[in-house]
Amino acid sequence: MQYDASGGAASRGRLIFLMGPSGSGKDSLIDAARERLFAQGVEVARRVITRSAEAKGEAALGVSVERFEAMREAGAFALDWQANGLSYGIPAQLDAWLAMGRSVLVNGSRAYLASARQRYPDLVAVGLTVSQQALRQRLLARGRESSEEIEQRLSRNFRLQAYDPGVHVVDNSGSLASAVEALLALLRSEGVIAEAPGKKPTCKMPD
């Protein structure tokens, strides 16, 4: 649930739009923070992706291109976009959760941030960063790309490290536990979740 400055519950939740290059650890961060987020009234949206159910990756709902288009035409998505040759959709349940006062974390796309902001002007934009060394190790470990594709990912990651103004940055180069704490501290500083007793937020906006 969203909290106001006095500590009382606000009437509407906020969208938390999480971004990061492939291999930055978004899925791992979401899984590690899920229970603590839920305890604070934050839901995690399950994406619908035009990827087969057998594909490696997040616990998304994999559908065919035809099924995805049918769902989109039927108004099944609150948000949808295309990236890396795939289509992504966030179920319309997102709006129901927000109306109930529950904030919602979405595994989003940097290229779609402006569009998401148009629909949800008060969203909290969060960008993950990760060192080149850590990202290379993670890409190798998950075994999805060839060596050439990994180098291309690293080059793209380097170019995307500087997020636009208004995006809160969380460094995920170190331990997953540290990244979870940084994310929770950021959400406290934004008033999305309750302040931790005796603790002060430590996240900062990029220069």
N, C-alpha and C. Protein backbone atom coordinates (compact mmCIF):
# COMPACT_ATOMS: atom_id res chain seq x y z
N MET A 1 0.84 -1.20 0.00
CA MET A 1 0.00 0.00 0.00
C MET A 1 0.87 1.24 0.00
N GLN A 2 0.42 2.29 -0.63
CA GLN A 2 1.14 3.54 -0.64
C GLN A 2 0.89 4.28 0.65
N TYR A 3 1.93 4.95 1.18
CA TYR A 3 1.81 5.69 2.43
C TYR A 3 2.04 7.16 2.17
N ASP A 4 1.26 8.01 2.86
CA ASP A 4 1.47 9.44 2.73
C ASP A 4 2.46 9.91 3.78
N ALA A 5 2.75 11.22 3.80
CA ALA A 5 3.78 11.75 4.68
C ALA A 5 3.46 11.57 6.16
N SER A 6 2.18 11.47 6.50
CA SER A 6 1.79 11.32 7.90
C SER A 6 1.81 9.87 8.35
N GLY A 7 2.07 8.95 7.44
CA GLY A 7 2.10 7.54 7.80
C GLY A 7 0.79 6.83 7.55
N GLY A 8 -0.24 7.58 7.10
CA GLY A 8 -1.51 6.96 6.82
C GLY A 8 -1.54 6.36 5.43
N ALA A 9 -2.47 5.45 5.22
CA ALA A 9 -2.57 4.79 3.92
C ALA A 9 -3.21 5.72 2.90
N ALA A 10 -2.62 5.83 1.74
CA ALA A 10 -3.17 6.63 0.65
C ALA A 10 -4.22 5.80 -0.09
N SER A 11 -5.00 6.48 -0.94
CA SER A 11 -6.12 5.80 -1.58
C SER A 11 -5.72 5.03 -2.83
N ARG A 12 -4.58 5.34 -3.42
CA ARG A 12 -4.21 4.70 -4.67
C ARG A 12 -2.73 4.30 -4.65
N GLY A 13 -2.44 3.15 -5.24
CA GLY A 13 -1.07 2.70 -5.30
C GLY A 13 -0.30 3.39 -6.42
N ARG A 14 0.98 3.07 -6.51
CA ARG A 14 1.83 3.65 -7.56
C ARG A 14 2.51 2.53 -8.35
N LEU A 15 2.76 2.81 -9.60
CA LEU A 15 3.47 1.87 -10.45
C LEU A 15 4.97 2.03 -10.22
N ILE A 16 5.66 0.89 -10.02
CA ILE A 16 7.11 0.87 -9.89
C ILE A 16 7.63 0.24 -11.18
N PHE A 17 8.30 1.03 -12.00
CA PHE A 17 8.71 0.61 -13.34
C PHE A 17 10.19 0.28 -13.31
N LEU A 18 10.51 -1.01 -13.23
CA LEU A 18 11.90 -1.47 -13.10
C LEU A 18 12.50 -1.73 -14.47
N MET A 19 13.69 -1.18 -14.70
CA MET A 19 14.38 -1.34 -15.98
C MET A 19 15.81 -1.81 -15.74
N GLY A 20 16.40 -2.35 -16.80
CA GLY A 20 17.78 -2.78 -16.71
C GLY A 20 18.16 -3.59 -17.93
N PRO A 21 19.42 -3.54 -18.35
CA PRO A 21 19.84 -4.31 -19.52
C PRO A 21 19.73 -5.80 -19.26
N SER A 22 19.65 -6.56 -20.33
CA SER A 22 19.58 -8.01 -20.22
C SER A 22 20.77 -8.53 -19.41
N GLY A 23 20.47 -9.36 -18.41
CA GLY A 23 21.53 -9.90 -17.57
C GLY A 23 21.84 -9.06 -16.35
N SER A 24 21.14 -7.94 -16.17
CA SER A 24 21.42 -7.07 -15.02
C SER A 24 20.87 -7.63 -13.72
N GLY A 25 20.03 -8.65 -13.81
CA GLY A 25 19.52 -9.28 -12.60
C GLY A 25 18.14 -8.84 -12.18
N LYS A 26 17.35 -8.33 -13.11
CA LYS A 26 16.00 -7.88 -12.75
C LYS A 26 15.16 -9.02 -12.18
N ASP A 27 15.16 -10.16 -12.86
CA ASP A 27 14.35 -11.29 -12.41
C ASP A 27 14.78 -11.76 -11.02
N SER A 28 16.09 -11.85 -10.82
CA SER A 28 16.61 -12.29 -9.52
C SER A 28 16.25 -11.30 -8.42
N LEU A 29 16.36 -10.01 -8.72
CA LEU A 29 16.02 -8.99 -7.73
C LEU A 29 14.54 -9.05 -7.38
N ILE A 30 13.69 -9.19 -8.39
CA ILE A 30 12.26 -9.27 -8.15
C ILE A 30 11.92 -10.48 -7.28
N ASP A 31 12.48 -11.64 -7.60
CA ASP A 31 12.22 -12.85 -6.83
C ASP A 31 12.69 -12.70 -5.39
N ALA A 32 13.87 -12.10 -5.20
CA ALA A 32 14.43 -11.96 -3.86
C ALA A 32 13.64 -10.97 -3.01
N ALA A 33 13.05 -9.98 -3.64
CA ALA A 33 12.32 -8.94 -2.90
C ALA A 33 10.82 -9.20 -2.81
N ARG A 34 10.33 -10.21 -3.51
CA ARG A 34 8.89 -10.41 -3.67
C ARG A 34 8.13 -10.48 -2.33
N GLU A 35 8.57 -11.32 -1.41
CA GLU A 35 7.83 -11.50 -0.16
C GLU A 35 7.82 -10.22 0.67
N ARG A 36 8.94 -9.53 0.72
CA ARG A 36 9.00 -8.30 1.51
C ARG A 36 8.17 -7.20 0.86
N LEU A 37 8.14 -7.16 -0.45
CA LEU A 37 7.30 -6.19 -1.15
C LEU A 37 5.83 -6.47 -0.88
N PHE A 38 5.44 -7.74 -0.98
CA PHE A 38 4.04 -8.10 -0.76
C PHE A 38 3.59 -7.73 0.66
N ALA A 39 4.48 -7.94 1.62
CA ALA A 39 4.16 -7.60 3.02
C ALA A 39 3.91 -6.11 3.20
N GLN A 40 4.47 -5.30 2.28
CA GLN A 40 4.29 -3.85 2.33
C GLN A 40 3.21 -3.37 1.36
N GLY A 41 2.41 -4.29 0.84
CA GLY A 41 1.32 -3.91 -0.04
C GLY A 41 1.71 -3.70 -1.48
N VAL A 42 2.84 -4.28 -1.90
CA VAL A 42 3.30 -4.12 -3.28
C VAL A 42 3.14 -5.45 -4.02
N GLU A 43 2.37 -5.43 -5.11
CA GLU A 43 2.21 -6.60 -5.95
C GLU A 43 3.31 -6.62 -7.02
N VAL A 44 3.59 -7.80 -7.56
CA VAL A 44 4.52 -7.95 -8.67
C VAL A 44 3.73 -8.49 -9.86
N ALA A 45 3.67 -7.71 -10.93
CA ALA A 45 2.91 -8.11 -12.11
C ALA A 45 3.63 -9.22 -12.87
N ARG A 46 2.89 -10.20 -13.33
CA ARG A 46 3.44 -11.27 -14.15
C ARG A 46 3.27 -10.91 -15.62
N ARG A 47 4.36 -10.81 -16.35
CA ARG A 47 4.29 -10.41 -17.74
C ARG A 47 3.78 -11.54 -18.64
N VAL A 48 3.17 -11.13 -19.74
CA VAL A 48 2.80 -12.04 -20.82
C VAL A 48 3.78 -11.76 -21.95
N ILE A 49 4.44 -12.81 -22.46
CA ILE A 49 5.49 -12.63 -23.47
C ILE A 49 5.28 -13.62 -24.61
N THR A 50 5.58 -13.18 -25.81
CA THR A 50 5.50 -14.09 -26.96
C THR A 50 6.77 -14.93 -27.01
N ARG A 51 6.91 -15.76 -26.01
CA ARG A 51 8.05 -16.68 -25.88
C ARG A 51 7.49 -18.02 -25.46
N SER A 52 8.07 -19.10 -25.95
CA SER A 52 7.55 -20.42 -25.63
C SER A 52 7.68 -20.71 -24.14
N ALA A 53 6.80 -21.54 -23.64
CA ALA A 53 6.81 -21.88 -22.22
C ALA A 53 8.09 -22.60 -21.82
N GLU A 54 8.80 -23.19 -22.80
CA GLU A 54 10.02 -23.92 -22.49
C GLU A 54 11.26 -23.02 -22.42
N ALA A 55 11.11 -21.76 -22.85
CA ALA A 55 12.26 -20.86 -22.88
C ALA A 55 12.72 -20.52 -21.47
N LYS A 56 14.02 -20.32 -21.33
CA LYS A 56 14.58 -19.93 -20.04
C LYS A 56 14.23 -18.47 -19.75
N GLY A 57 14.19 -18.13 -18.46
CA GLY A 57 13.94 -16.75 -18.09
C GLY A 57 12.93 -16.65 -16.98
N GLU A 58 12.31 -15.48 -16.87
CA GLU A 58 11.37 -15.21 -15.79
C GLU A 58 10.14 -16.12 -15.88
N ALA A 59 9.39 -16.16 -14.78
CA ALA A 59 8.17 -16.98 -14.73
C ALA A 59 7.02 -16.21 -15.38
N ALA A 60 7.17 -15.90 -16.66
CA ALA A 60 6.15 -15.16 -17.39
C ALA A 60 5.20 -16.16 -18.06
N LEU A 61 4.09 -15.63 -18.54
CA LEU A 61 3.14 -16.45 -19.30
C LEU A 61 3.54 -16.37 -20.77
N GLY A 62 4.01 -17.48 -21.34
CA GLY A 62 4.40 -17.51 -22.73
C GLY A 62 3.22 -17.83 -23.63
N VAL A 63 3.00 -16.98 -24.64
CA VAL A 63 1.89 -17.18 -25.56
C VAL A 63 2.38 -17.01 -27.00
N SER A 64 1.59 -17.46 -27.94
CA SER A 64 1.91 -17.27 -29.35
C SER A 64 1.68 -15.82 -29.74
N VAL A 65 2.25 -15.44 -30.88
CA VAL A 65 2.04 -14.09 -31.39
C VAL A 65 0.55 -13.85 -31.64
N GLU A 66 -0.13 -14.84 -32.17
CA GLU A 66 -1.56 -14.71 -32.47
C GLU A 66 -2.37 -14.53 -31.18
N ARG A 67 -2.03 -15.31 -30.16
CA ARG A 67 -2.74 -15.19 -28.89
C ARG A 67 -2.48 -13.85 -28.24
N PHE A 68 -1.25 -13.38 -28.33
CA PHE A 68 -0.92 -12.08 -27.74
C PHE A 68 -1.74 -10.97 -28.39
N GLU A 69 -1.81 -10.99 -29.72
CA GLU A 69 -2.56 -9.96 -30.43
C GLU A 69 -4.04 -10.01 -30.08
N ALA A 70 -4.57 -11.22 -29.92
CA ALA A 70 -5.97 -11.36 -29.55
C ALA A 70 -6.22 -10.79 -28.15
N MET A 71 -5.30 -11.05 -27.24
CA MET A 71 -5.42 -10.51 -25.88
C MET A 71 -5.34 -8.98 -25.90
N ARG A 72 -4.41 -8.45 -26.69
CA ARG A 72 -4.26 -7.00 -26.76
C ARG A 72 -5.51 -6.35 -27.31
N GLU A 73 -6.06 -6.92 -28.38
CA GLU A 73 -7.28 -6.37 -28.98
C GLU A 73 -8.46 -6.44 -28.02
N ALA A 74 -8.45 -7.44 -27.13
CA ALA A 74 -9.55 -7.60 -26.17
C ALA A 74 -9.37 -6.72 -24.93
N GLY A 75 -8.29 -5.93 -24.89
CA GLY A 75 -8.07 -5.05 -23.75
C GLY A 75 -7.51 -5.75 -22.53
N ALA A 76 -6.79 -6.85 -22.74
CA ALA A 76 -6.27 -7.63 -21.61
C ALA A 76 -5.05 -7.01 -20.95
N PHE A 77 -4.45 -6.00 -21.60
CA PHE A 77 -3.22 -5.43 -21.08
C PHE A 77 -3.39 -3.98 -20.65
N ALA A 78 -2.79 -3.64 -19.52
CA ALA A 78 -2.70 -2.25 -19.10
C ALA A 78 -1.56 -1.56 -19.84
N LEU A 79 -0.49 -2.31 -20.10
CA LEU A 79 0.67 -1.82 -20.83
C LEU A 79 1.15 -2.92 -21.76
N ASP A 80 1.65 -2.55 -22.93
CA ASP A 80 2.28 -3.55 -23.79
C ASP A 80 3.28 -2.86 -24.70
N TRP A 81 4.33 -3.59 -25.07
CA TRP A 81 5.38 -3.04 -25.92
C TRP A 81 6.12 -4.18 -26.61
N GLN A 82 7.02 -3.79 -27.51
CA GLN A 82 7.85 -4.76 -28.22
C GLN A 82 9.32 -4.45 -27.97
N ALA A 83 10.11 -5.49 -27.79
CA ALA A 83 11.55 -5.33 -27.57
C ALA A 83 12.24 -6.65 -27.88
N ASN A 84 13.42 -6.55 -28.48
CA ASN A 84 14.23 -7.74 -28.79
C ASN A 84 13.45 -8.80 -29.58
N GLY A 85 12.57 -8.34 -30.46
CA GLY A 85 11.82 -9.26 -31.30
C GLY A 85 10.65 -9.94 -30.61
N LEU A 86 10.34 -9.55 -29.38
CA LEU A 86 9.24 -10.16 -28.63
C LEU A 86 8.21 -9.09 -28.26
N SER A 87 7.00 -9.53 -27.95
CA SER A 87 5.96 -8.64 -27.45
C SER A 87 5.74 -8.92 -25.97
N TYR A 88 5.57 -7.85 -25.21
CA TYR A 88 5.41 -7.95 -23.76
C TYR A 88 4.11 -7.26 -23.35
N GLY A 89 3.38 -7.87 -22.43
CA GLY A 89 2.15 -7.27 -21.95
C GLY A 89 2.02 -7.37 -20.44
N ILE A 90 1.51 -6.31 -19.82
CA ILE A 90 1.22 -6.30 -18.39
C ILE A 90 -0.29 -6.41 -18.22
N PRO A 91 -0.78 -7.46 -17.57
CA PRO A 91 -2.22 -7.65 -17.45
C PRO A 91 -2.96 -6.45 -16.88
N ALA A 92 -4.20 -6.27 -17.33
CA ALA A 92 -5.03 -5.14 -16.90
C ALA A 92 -5.32 -5.17 -15.41
N GLN A 93 -5.03 -6.29 -14.75
CA GLN A 93 -5.19 -6.37 -13.29
C GLN A 93 -4.35 -5.30 -12.60
N LEU A 94 -3.32 -4.81 -13.27
CA LEU A 94 -2.50 -3.73 -12.74
C LEU A 94 -3.36 -2.57 -12.26
N ASP A 95 -4.31 -2.15 -13.09
CA ASP A 95 -5.15 -1.00 -12.73
C ASP A 95 -6.05 -1.30 -11.55
N ALA A 96 -6.52 -2.54 -11.44
CA ALA A 96 -7.36 -2.92 -10.30
C ALA A 96 -6.56 -2.86 -9.01
N TRP A 97 -5.33 -3.36 -9.04
CA TRP A 97 -4.47 -3.29 -7.85
C TRP A 97 -4.22 -1.84 -7.44
N LEU A 98 -3.88 -0.99 -8.40
CA LEU A 98 -3.61 0.41 -8.09
C LEU A 98 -4.83 1.08 -7.46
N ALA A 99 -6.01 0.79 -8.01
CA ALA A 99 -7.24 1.37 -7.49
C ALA A 99 -7.53 0.90 -6.06
N MET A 100 -7.06 -0.30 -5.73
CA MET A 100 -7.24 -0.84 -4.38
C MET A 100 -6.24 -0.26 -3.39
N GLY A 101 -5.29 0.53 -3.87
CA GLY A 101 -4.28 1.10 -2.98
C GLY A 101 -3.02 0.28 -2.90
N ARG A 102 -2.89 -0.75 -3.73
CA ARG A 102 -1.69 -1.57 -3.74
C ARG A 102 -0.78 -1.12 -4.88
N SER A 103 0.45 -0.78 -4.55
CA SER A 103 1.41 -0.43 -5.57
C SER A 103 1.82 -1.70 -6.33
N VAL A 104 2.34 -1.52 -7.54
CA VAL A 104 2.65 -2.67 -8.39
C VAL A 104 4.02 -2.49 -9.03
N LEU A 105 4.86 -3.51 -8.89
CA LEU A 105 6.17 -3.50 -9.54
C LEU A 105 6.06 -4.21 -10.88
N VAL A 106 6.56 -3.55 -11.92
CA VAL A 106 6.52 -4.08 -13.28
C VAL A 106 7.94 -4.21 -13.81
N ASN A 107 8.24 -5.35 -14.41
CA ASN A 107 9.50 -5.56 -15.11
C ASN A 107 9.35 -4.89 -16.47
N GLY A 108 9.85 -3.66 -16.60
CA GLY A 108 9.55 -2.84 -17.76
C GLY A 108 10.67 -2.75 -18.77
N SER A 109 10.49 -1.86 -19.72
CA SER A 109 11.44 -1.63 -20.80
C SER A 109 11.81 -0.16 -20.82
N ARG A 110 13.11 0.13 -20.89
CA ARG A 110 13.57 1.50 -20.93
C ARG A 110 12.95 2.28 -22.09
N ALA A 111 12.84 1.64 -23.25
CA ALA A 111 12.30 2.31 -24.42
C ALA A 111 10.82 2.67 -24.26
N TYR A 112 10.13 2.01 -23.33
CA TYR A 112 8.70 2.24 -23.14
C TYR A 112 8.42 3.16 -21.95
N LEU A 113 9.46 3.65 -21.28
CA LEU A 113 9.26 4.46 -20.08
C LEU A 113 8.41 5.70 -20.34
N ALA A 114 8.70 6.43 -21.40
CA ALA A 114 7.95 7.65 -21.69
C ALA A 114 6.47 7.37 -21.86
N SER A 115 6.15 6.29 -22.57
CA SER A 115 4.74 5.92 -22.76
C SER A 115 4.08 5.53 -21.45
N ALA A 116 4.82 4.79 -20.61
CA ALA A 116 4.27 4.39 -19.32
C ALA A 116 4.02 5.62 -18.44
N ARG A 117 4.91 6.60 -18.52
CA ARG A 117 4.75 7.82 -17.73
C ARG A 117 3.52 8.61 -18.17
N GLN A 118 3.20 8.56 -19.44
CA GLN A 118 2.01 9.27 -19.92
C GLN A 118 0.75 8.71 -19.27
N ARG A 119 0.72 7.41 -19.10
CA ARG A 119 -0.47 6.78 -18.51
C ARG A 119 -0.42 6.81 -16.98
N TYR A 120 0.78 6.72 -16.41
CA TYR A 120 0.94 6.70 -14.95
C TYR A 120 1.96 7.77 -14.57
N PRO A 121 1.55 9.03 -14.52
CA PRO A 121 2.49 10.13 -14.31
C PRO A 121 3.26 10.07 -13.00
N ASP A 122 2.71 9.41 -12.00
CA ASP A 122 3.38 9.35 -10.69
C ASP A 122 4.19 8.08 -10.49
N LEU A 123 4.47 7.36 -11.59
CA LEU A 123 5.23 6.12 -11.44
C LEU A 123 6.62 6.37 -10.88
N VAL A 124 7.18 5.36 -10.26
CA VAL A 124 8.55 5.40 -9.75
C VAL A 124 9.43 4.63 -10.73
N ALA A 125 10.31 5.32 -11.43
CA ALA A 125 11.19 4.68 -12.40
C ALA A 125 12.48 4.25 -11.72
N VAL A 126 12.80 2.96 -11.85
CA VAL A 126 13.99 2.39 -11.21
C VAL A 126 14.86 1.75 -12.28
N GLY A 127 16.12 2.15 -12.34
CA GLY A 127 17.03 1.58 -13.31
C GLY A 127 18.16 0.82 -12.64
N LEU A 128 18.34 -0.44 -13.02
CA LEU A 128 19.44 -1.23 -12.48
C LEU A 128 20.71 -0.95 -13.28
N THR A 129 21.82 -0.85 -12.58
CA THR A 129 23.12 -0.80 -13.23
C THR A 129 23.94 -1.99 -12.75
N VAL A 130 24.89 -2.40 -13.56
CA VAL A 130 25.75 -3.53 -13.20
C VAL A 130 27.08 -3.34 -13.92
N SER A 131 28.15 -3.69 -13.26
CA SER A 131 29.47 -3.54 -13.86
C SER A 131 29.62 -4.49 -15.05
N GLN A 132 30.53 -4.14 -15.96
CA GLN A 132 30.76 -4.98 -17.13
C GLN A 132 31.22 -6.38 -16.72
N GLN A 133 32.08 -6.46 -15.73
CA GLN A 133 32.59 -7.76 -15.29
C GLN A 133 31.47 -8.63 -14.73
N ALA A 134 30.64 -8.04 -13.87
CA ALA A 134 29.55 -8.81 -13.27
C ALA A 134 28.54 -9.24 -14.34
N LEU A 135 28.26 -8.34 -15.29
CA LEU A 135 27.30 -8.67 -16.34
C LEU A 135 27.83 -9.79 -17.23
N ARG A 136 29.10 -9.76 -17.58
CA ARG A 136 29.68 -10.81 -18.42
C ARG A 136 29.54 -12.17 -17.73
N GLN A 137 29.82 -12.22 -16.44
CA GLN A 137 29.72 -13.48 -15.69
C GLN A 137 28.29 -14.00 -15.68
N ARG A 138 27.33 -13.11 -15.53
CA ARG A 138 25.93 -13.52 -15.48
C ARG A 138 25.43 -14.01 -16.84
N LEU A 139 25.84 -13.32 -17.89
CA LEU A 139 25.43 -13.74 -19.22
C LEU A 139 26.02 -15.10 -19.58
N LEU A 140 27.27 -15.32 -19.21
CA LEU A 140 27.89 -16.62 -19.45
C LEU A 140 27.18 -17.72 -18.67
N ALA A 141 26.81 -17.41 -17.42
CA ALA A 141 26.20 -18.41 -16.54
C ALA A 141 24.82 -18.84 -17.02
N ARG A 142 24.06 -17.92 -17.60
CA ARG A 142 22.70 -18.29 -18.00
C ARG A 142 22.68 -19.01 -19.35
N GLY A 143 23.74 -18.90 -20.13
CA GLY A 143 23.89 -19.70 -21.33
C GLY A 143 22.90 -19.47 -22.44
N ARG A 144 22.36 -18.27 -22.58
CA ARG A 144 21.40 -17.99 -23.64
C ARG A 144 22.08 -17.51 -24.92
N GLU A 145 23.19 -16.78 -24.80
CA GLU A 145 23.81 -16.14 -25.95
C GLU A 145 25.17 -16.73 -26.28
N SER A 146 25.57 -16.54 -27.52
CA SER A 146 26.92 -16.92 -27.95
C SER A 146 27.91 -15.88 -27.44
N SER A 147 29.19 -16.16 -27.58
CA SER A 147 30.22 -15.21 -27.13
C SER A 147 30.07 -13.88 -27.85
N GLU A 148 29.79 -13.93 -29.14
CA GLU A 148 29.62 -12.69 -29.91
C GLU A 148 28.41 -11.91 -29.42
N GLU A 149 27.31 -12.61 -29.14
CA GLU A 149 26.11 -11.94 -28.65
C GLU A 149 26.35 -11.33 -27.27
N ILE A 150 27.13 -12.00 -26.44
CA ILE A 150 27.45 -11.47 -25.11
C ILE A 150 28.23 -10.17 -25.23
N GLU A 151 29.20 -10.13 -26.11
CA GLU A 151 29.98 -8.91 -26.30
C GLU A 151 29.10 -7.78 -26.80
N GLN A 152 28.14 -8.10 -27.65
CA GLN A 152 27.20 -7.09 -28.12
C GLN A 152 26.35 -6.57 -26.97
N ARG A 153 25.93 -7.49 -26.10
CA ARG A 153 25.16 -7.09 -24.92
C ARG A 153 25.97 -6.17 -24.02
N LEU A 154 27.23 -6.51 -23.82
CA LEU A 154 28.10 -5.70 -22.96
C LEU A 154 28.28 -4.30 -23.53
N SER A 155 28.44 -4.22 -24.83
CA SER A 155 28.60 -2.92 -25.48
C SER A 155 27.34 -2.08 -25.31
N ARG A 156 26.18 -2.74 -25.48
CA ARG A 156 24.91 -2.03 -25.32
C ARG A 156 24.71 -1.60 -23.88
N ASN A 157 25.08 -2.47 -22.94
CA ASN A 157 24.95 -2.14 -21.53
C ASN A 157 25.77 -0.90 -21.18
N PHE A 158 26.98 -0.82 -21.72
CA PHE A 158 27.84 0.32 -21.45
C PHE A 158 27.19 1.62 -21.91
N ARG A 159 26.54 1.57 -23.07
CA ARG A 159 25.89 2.77 -23.60
C ARG A 159 24.66 3.15 -22.79
N LEU A 160 24.02 2.16 -22.16
CA LEU A 160 22.76 2.42 -21.46
C LEU A 160 22.92 2.66 -19.96
N GLN A 161 24.16 2.71 -19.47
CA GLN A 161 24.37 2.86 -18.03
C GLN A 161 23.84 4.19 -17.50
N ALA A 162 23.89 5.23 -18.32
CA ALA A 162 23.43 6.55 -17.87
C ALA A 162 21.93 6.68 -18.15
N TYR A 163 21.12 6.62 -17.09
CA TYR A 163 19.67 6.72 -17.25
C TYR A 163 19.25 8.18 -17.36
N ASP A 164 18.06 8.38 -17.88
CA ASP A 164 17.52 9.72 -18.01
C ASP A 164 17.25 10.34 -16.64
N PRO A 165 17.21 11.67 -16.55
CA PRO A 165 16.84 12.32 -15.29
C PRO A 165 15.47 11.83 -14.83
N GLY A 166 15.33 11.67 -13.55
CA GLY A 166 14.06 11.19 -13.02
C GLY A 166 14.02 9.69 -12.80
N VAL A 167 15.09 8.98 -13.20
CA VAL A 167 15.18 7.54 -12.97
C VAL A 167 16.07 7.29 -11.76
N HIS A 168 15.57 6.58 -10.78
CA HIS A 168 16.34 6.22 -9.60
C HIS A 168 17.22 5.02 -9.91
N VAL A 169 18.48 5.10 -9.55
CA VAL A 169 19.44 4.06 -9.91
C VAL A 169 19.75 3.14 -8.73
N VAL A 170 19.70 1.85 -8.98
CA VAL A 170 20.09 0.83 -8.01
C VAL A 170 21.22 0.01 -8.62
N ASP A 171 22.35 -0.06 -7.92
CA ASP A 171 23.50 -0.83 -8.41
C ASP A 171 23.35 -2.30 -8.01
N ASN A 172 23.36 -3.17 -9.00
CA ASN A 172 23.22 -4.59 -8.75
C ASN A 172 24.49 -5.35 -9.11
N SER A 173 25.64 -4.70 -8.95
CA SER A 173 26.92 -5.35 -9.25
C SER A 173 27.37 -6.26 -8.12
N GLY A 174 26.92 -5.97 -6.90
CA GLY A 174 27.35 -6.74 -5.75
C GLY A 174 26.38 -7.84 -5.39
N SER A 175 26.17 -8.01 -4.09
CA SER A 175 25.30 -9.08 -3.62
C SER A 175 23.84 -8.75 -3.89
N LEU A 176 23.05 -9.78 -4.10
CA LEU A 176 21.63 -9.61 -4.34
C LEU A 176 20.95 -9.00 -3.12
N ALA A 177 21.38 -9.40 -1.94
CA ALA A 177 20.80 -8.87 -0.71
C ALA A 177 20.97 -7.36 -0.63
N SER A 178 22.13 -6.86 -1.05
CA SER A 178 22.39 -5.42 -1.02
C SER A 178 21.47 -4.69 -1.99
N ALA A 179 21.25 -5.28 -3.16
CA ALA A 179 20.37 -4.66 -4.14
C ALA A 179 18.93 -4.62 -3.64
N VAL A 180 18.50 -5.67 -2.96
CA VAL A 180 17.15 -5.69 -2.39
C VAL A 180 16.99 -4.57 -1.37
N GLU A 181 17.97 -4.41 -0.49
CA GLU A 181 17.89 -3.36 0.52
C GLU A 181 17.88 -1.99 -0.13
N ALA A 182 18.66 -1.82 -1.19
CA ALA A 182 18.69 -0.53 -1.89
C ALA A 182 17.33 -0.23 -2.52
N LEU A 183 16.71 -1.24 -3.11
CA LEU A 183 15.39 -1.06 -3.71
C LEU A 183 14.36 -0.68 -2.66
N LEU A 184 14.36 -1.39 -1.53
CA LEU A 184 13.40 -1.09 -0.47
C LEU A 184 13.63 0.30 0.12
N ALA A 185 14.89 0.69 0.26
CA ALA A 185 15.20 2.02 0.78
C ALA A 185 14.68 3.10 -0.18
N LEU A 186 14.83 2.85 -1.46
CA LEU A 186 14.32 3.79 -2.45
C LEU A 186 12.81 3.93 -2.36
N LEU A 187 12.11 2.80 -2.25
CA LEU A 187 10.65 2.85 -2.18
C LEU A 187 10.18 3.52 -0.90
N ARG A 188 10.94 3.38 0.18
CA ARG A 188 10.60 4.12 1.41
C ARG A 188 10.77 5.62 1.19
N SER A 189 11.86 6.00 0.54
CA SER A 189 12.13 7.42 0.33
C SER A 189 11.08 8.06 -0.58
N GLU A 190 10.47 7.25 -1.44
CA GLU A 190 9.43 7.74 -2.34
C GLU A 190 8.04 7.65 -1.71
N GLY A 191 7.96 7.11 -0.49
CA GLY A 191 6.67 7.01 0.18
C GLY A 191 5.80 5.89 -0.31
N VAL A 192 6.38 4.96 -1.06
CA VAL A 192 5.60 3.84 -1.59
C VAL A 192 5.36 2.79 -0.52
N ILE A 193 6.35 2.55 0.33
CA ILE A 193 6.20 1.62 1.44
C ILE A 193 6.52 2.33 2.73
N ALA A 194 6.18 1.71 3.84
CA ALA A 194 6.35 2.33 5.15
C ALA A 194 7.82 2.50 5.49
N GLU A 195 8.11 3.56 6.22
CA GLU A 195 9.48 3.82 6.66
C GLU A 195 9.91 2.76 7.65
N ALA A 196 11.13 2.26 7.51
CA ALA A 196 11.67 1.28 8.46
C ALA A 196 12.04 2.00 9.74
N PRO A 197 11.61 1.52 10.90
CA PRO A 197 11.91 2.18 12.17
C PRO A 197 13.41 2.35 12.37
N GLY A 198 13.81 3.58 12.66
CA GLY A 198 15.21 3.83 12.99
C GLY A 198 16.14 3.86 11.81
N LYS A 199 15.62 3.79 10.57
CA LYS A 199 16.48 3.78 9.40
C LYS A 199 16.14 4.95 8.49
N LYS A 200 17.13 5.41 7.76
CA LYS A 200 16.94 6.48 6.81
C LYS A 200 17.26 5.96 5.41
N PRO A 201 16.52 6.43 4.39
CA PRO A 201 16.79 6.00 3.03
C PRO A 201 18.21 6.37 2.60
N THR A 202 18.83 5.52 1.83
CA THR A 202 20.19 5.78 1.39
C THR A 202 20.31 5.91 -0.11
N CYS A 203 19.21 5.67 -0.86
CA CYS A 203 19.28 5.75 -2.32
C CYS A 203 19.35 7.21 -2.76
N LYS A 204 19.92 7.44 -3.89
CA LYS A 204 20.05 8.80 -4.41
C LYS A 204 19.72 8.82 -5.89
N MET A 205 19.37 10.00 -6.36
CA MET A 205 19.12 10.21 -7.77
C MET A 205 20.44 10.38 -8.48
N PRO A 206 20.54 9.99 -9.75
CA PRO A 206 21.77 10.20 -10.49
C PRO A 206 22.05 11.67 -10.69
N ASP A 207 23.33 12.04 -10.79
CA ASP A 207 23.70 13.44 -10.99
C ASP A 207 23.21 13.91 -12.36
